[in-house]
C-alpha atoms as a PDB file:
ATOM      1  CA  MET A   1      -1.433 -22.276  10.825  1.00  0.00           C
ATOM      2  CA  ALA A   2      -3.481 -20.091  13.086  1.00  0.00           C
ATOM      3  CA  ALA A   3      -1.456 -17.011  12.093  1.00  0.00           C
ATOM      4  CA  LEU A   4      -2.286 -17.335   8.390  1.00  0.00           C
ATOM      5  CA  SER A   5      -5.913 -17.963   9.180  1.00  0.00           C
ATOM      6  CA  ALA A   6      -6.032 -14.886  11.432  1.00  0.00           C
ATOM      7  CA  LEU A   7      -4.482 -12.652   8.789  1.00  0.00           C
ATOM      8  CA  ALA A   8      -6.730 -13.947   6.043  1.00  0.00           C
ATOM      9  CA  HIS A   9      -9.507 -11.565   7.020  1.00  0.00           C
ATOM     10  CA  GLU A  10      -9.236  -8.006   5.731  1.00  0.00           C
ATOM     11  CA  HIS A  11     -10.154  -6.318   9.017  1.00  0.00           C
ATOM     12  CA  ARG A  12      -7.656  -8.403  11.016  1.00  0.00           C
ATOM     13  CA  LEU A  13      -4.943  -7.708   8.426  1.00  0.00           C
ATOM     14  CA  ALA A  14      -5.708  -3.962   8.545  1.00  0.00           C
ATOM     15  CA  ALA A  15      -5.579  -4.005  12.366  1.00  0.00           C
ATOM     16  CA  TYR A  16      -2.317  -5.924  12.309  1.00  0.00           C
ATOM     17  CA  ARG A  17      -0.826  -3.398   9.900  1.00  0.00           C
ATOM     18  CA  LEU A  18      -1.770  -0.581  12.167  1.00  0.00           C
ATOM     19  CA  LEU A  19      -0.091  -2.324  15.092  1.00  0.00           C
ATOM     20  CA  VAL A  20       3.049  -2.901  13.077  1.00  0.00           C
ATOM     21  CA  GLU A  21       3.210   0.747  12.251  1.00  0.00           C
ATOM     22  CA  ALA A  22       2.582   1.669  15.899  1.00  0.00           C
ATOM     23  CA  GLY A  23       5.605  -0.263  17.072  1.00  0.00           C
ATOM     24  CA  PRO A  24       6.165  -1.950  20.447  1.00  0.00           C
ATOM     25  CA  GLU A  25       4.039   0.561  22.379  1.00  0.00           C
ATOM     26  CA  GLY A  26       0.914  -0.565  20.538  1.00  0.00           C
ATOM     27  CA  LEU A  27      -2.416   1.190  20.375  1.00  0.00           C
ATOM     28  CA  PRO A  28      -5.590   1.309  22.484  1.00  0.00           C
ATOM     29  CA  ALA A  29      -8.403  -0.819  21.168  1.00  0.00           C
ATOM     30  CA  GLY A  30     -10.635   2.282  20.861  1.00  0.00           C
ATOM     31  CA  LEU A  31      -8.108   4.074  18.668  1.00  0.00           C
ATOM     32  CA  ILE A  32      -7.755   1.009  16.407  1.00  0.00           C
ATOM     33  CA  ALA A  33     -11.494   0.857  16.024  1.00  0.00           C
ATOM     34  CA  GLU A  34     -11.644   4.568  15.211  1.00  0.00           C
ATOM     35  CA  ARG A  35      -8.834   4.435  12.619  1.00  0.00           C
ATOM     36  CA  LEU A  36     -10.387   1.400  10.922  1.00  0.00           C
ATOM     37  CA  GLY A  37     -13.942   2.723  11.126  1.00  0.00           C
ATOM     38  CA  ALA A  38     -15.041  -0.504  12.838  1.00  0.00           C
ATOM     39  CA  PRO A  39     -17.589  -0.896  15.634  1.00  0.00           C
ATOM     40  CA  PRO A  40     -15.798  -1.683  18.877  1.00  0.00           C
ATOM     41  CA  SER A  41     -17.553  -4.979  19.413  1.00  0.00           C
ATOM     42  CA  THR A  42     -16.527  -6.192  15.925  1.00  0.00           C
ATOM     43  CA  LEU A  43     -12.992  -5.035  16.417  1.00  0.00           C
ATOM     44  CA  THR A  44     -12.807  -6.832  19.696  1.00  0.00           C
ATOM     45  CA  PHE A  45     -13.647 -10.071  17.922  1.00  0.00           C
ATOM     46  CA  HIS A  46     -10.966  -9.542  15.334  1.00  0.00           C
ATOM     47  CA  LEU A  47      -8.310  -8.515  17.892  1.00  0.00           C
ATOM     48  CA  GLN A  48      -9.090 -11.630  19.922  1.00  0.00           C
ATOM     49  CA  GLN A  49      -8.480 -13.750  16.816  1.00  0.00           C
ATOM     50  CA  LEU A  50      -5.064 -12.124  16.410  1.00  0.00           C
ATOM     51  CA  LEU A  51      -4.353 -12.570  20.115  1.00  0.00           C
ATOM     52  CA  HIS A  52      -5.321 -16.252  19.902  1.00  0.00           C
ATOM     53  CA  ALA A  53      -3.040 -16.751  16.925  1.00  0.00           C
ATOM     54  CA  GLY A  54      -0.153 -15.219  19.000  1.00  0.00           C
ATOM     55  CA  LEU A  55       0.337 -12.334  16.529  1.00  0.00           C
ATOM     56  CA  VAL A  56      -0.483  -9.624  19.072  1.00  0.00           C
ATOM     57  CA  THR A  57      -0.134  -9.010  22.786  1.00  0.00           C
ATOM     58  CA  GLN A  58      -2.662  -7.336  25.040  1.00  0.00           C
ATOM     59  CA  ARG A  59      -2.031  -5.394  28.186  1.00  0.00           C
ATOM     60  CA  ARG A  60      -4.261  -3.290  30.415  1.00  0.00           C
ATOM     61  CA  VAL A  61      -3.285   0.236  31.292  1.00  0.00           C
ATOM     62  CA  SER A  62      -5.823   1.721  33.694  1.00  0.00           C
ATOM     63  CA  ARG A  63      -9.150   1.202  31.913  1.00  0.00           C
ATOM     64  CA  GLN A  64      -7.714   0.743  28.400  1.00  0.00           C
ATOM     65  CA  LEU A  65      -6.669  -2.407  26.604  1.00  0.00           C
ATOM     66  CA  LEU A  66      -3.539  -1.853  24.582  1.00  0.00           C
ATOM     67  CA  TYR A  67      -2.627  -4.149  21.709  1.00  0.00           C
ATOM     68  CA  ALA A  68       0.796  -4.485  20.150  1.00  0.00           C
ATOM     69  CA  MET A  69       2.238  -6.732  17.451  1.00  0.00           C
ATOM     70  CA  ALA A  70       4.324  -9.683  18.649  1.00  0.00           C
ATOM     71  CA  PRO A  71       7.376  -9.814  16.364  1.00  0.00           C
ATOM     72  CA  ALA A  72       8.629 -13.310  17.111  1.00  0.00           C
ATOM     73  CA  PRO A  73       5.542 -15.203  15.813  1.00  0.00           C
ATOM     74  CA  MET A  74       5.587 -13.194  12.513  1.00  0.00           C
ATOM     75  CA  ASN A  75       9.287 -13.795  12.083  1.00  0.00           C
ATOM     76  CA  ALA A  76       8.690 -17.490  12.658  1.00  0.00           C
ATOM     77  CA  LEU A  77       5.880 -17.464  10.077  1.00  0.00           C
ATOM     78  CA  LEU A  78       8.032 -15.660   7.536  1.00  0.00           C
ATOM     79  CA  ALA A  79      10.934 -18.082   8.157  1.00  0.00           C
ATOM     80  CA  TYR A  80       8.521 -21.061   7.773  1.00  0.00           C
ATOM     81  CA  LEU A  81       7.141 -19.715   4.465  1.00  0.00           C
ATOM     82  CA  THR A  82      10.607 -18.879   3.142  1.00  0.00           C
ATOM     83  CA  GLU A  83      11.990 -22.277   4.083  1.00  0.00           C
ATOM     84  CA  ASN A  84       9.049 -24.222   2.713  1.00  0.00           C
ATOM     85  CA  CYS A  85       8.000 -22.148  -0.339  1.00  0.00           C
ATOM     86  CA  CYS A  86       7.867 -23.991  -3.629  1.00  0.00           C
ATOM     87  CA  GLY A  87       8.138 -27.331  -1.729  1.00  0.00           C
ATOM     88  CA  GLY A  88      11.550 -26.398  -0.398  1.00  0.00           C
ATOM     89  CA  GLY A  89      12.998 -26.431  -3.916  1.00  0.00           C
ATOM     90  CA  ALA A  90      15.363 -23.955  -5.484  1.00  0.00           C
ATOM     91  CA  ALA A  91      12.670 -22.222  -7.476  1.00  0.00           C
ATOM     92  CA  CYS A  92      12.075 -19.527  -4.920  1.00  0.00           C
ATOM     93  CA  ARG A  93      15.635 -19.202  -3.553  1.00  0.00           C
ATOM     94  CA  PRO A  94      16.790 -16.557  -6.144  1.00  0.00           C
ATOM     95  CA  ALA A  95      13.967 -14.332  -4.988  1.00  0.00           C
ATOM     96  CA  CYS A  96      14.946 -14.690  -1.327  1.00  0.00           C
ATOM     97  CA  GLU A  97      18.729 -14.969  -1.450  1.00  0.00           C
ATOM     98  CA  PRO A  98      19.802 -11.763  -3.283  1.00  0.00           C
ATOM     99  CA  ALA A  99      18.188  -9.577  -0.614  1.00  0.00           C
ATOM    100  CA  ALA A 100      19.895 -11.523   2.197  1.00  0.00           C
ATOM    101  CA  ALA A 101      23.258 -11.309   0.310  1.00  0.00           C
ATOM    102  CA  ALA A 102      22.843  -7.538  -0.027  1.00  0.00           C
ATOM    103  CA  VAL A 103      22.176  -7.161   3.654  1.00  0.00           C
ATOM    104  CA  ARG A 104      25.265  -9.277   4.499  1.00  0.00           C
ATOM    105  CA  SER A 105      27.447  -7.253   2.153  1.00  0.00           C
ATOM    106  CA  ARG A 106      26.354  -3.896   3.657  1.00  0.00           C
ATOM    107  CA  SER A 107      26.990  -5.165   7.198  1.00  0.00           C
ATOM    108  CA  ALA A 108      30.374  -6.768   6.356  1.00  0.00           C
ATOM    109  CA  PRO A 109      33.391  -4.879   7.607  1.00  0.00           C
ATOM    110  CA  ALA A 110      35.387  -3.034   4.974  1.00  0.00           C
ATOM    111  CA  ALA A 111      38.640  -4.809   3.959  1.00  0.00           C
END
């Protein structure tokens, strides 16, 4: 999967984490480079890899390029990994299911 490959590099993972923290508004490329201490040309390469993998979006505002995380591809990746972990066997279900059950019980209406 392109998403896993893109996130496998430490600079891309760090950039993605910043974008997750920034939320849907995203961040300008220059600010991402500054926060990561990366040269702009190097960061551009890494952001393009995340963009190509579909993990981030890019939009132009005036002269700035703003990047934001794209939640749907990450949700799909997590769903795929959860569904296919341990070869789809029951070995990983206990780790995944208690959290989901807790969320369901908190959101269930009181009787």
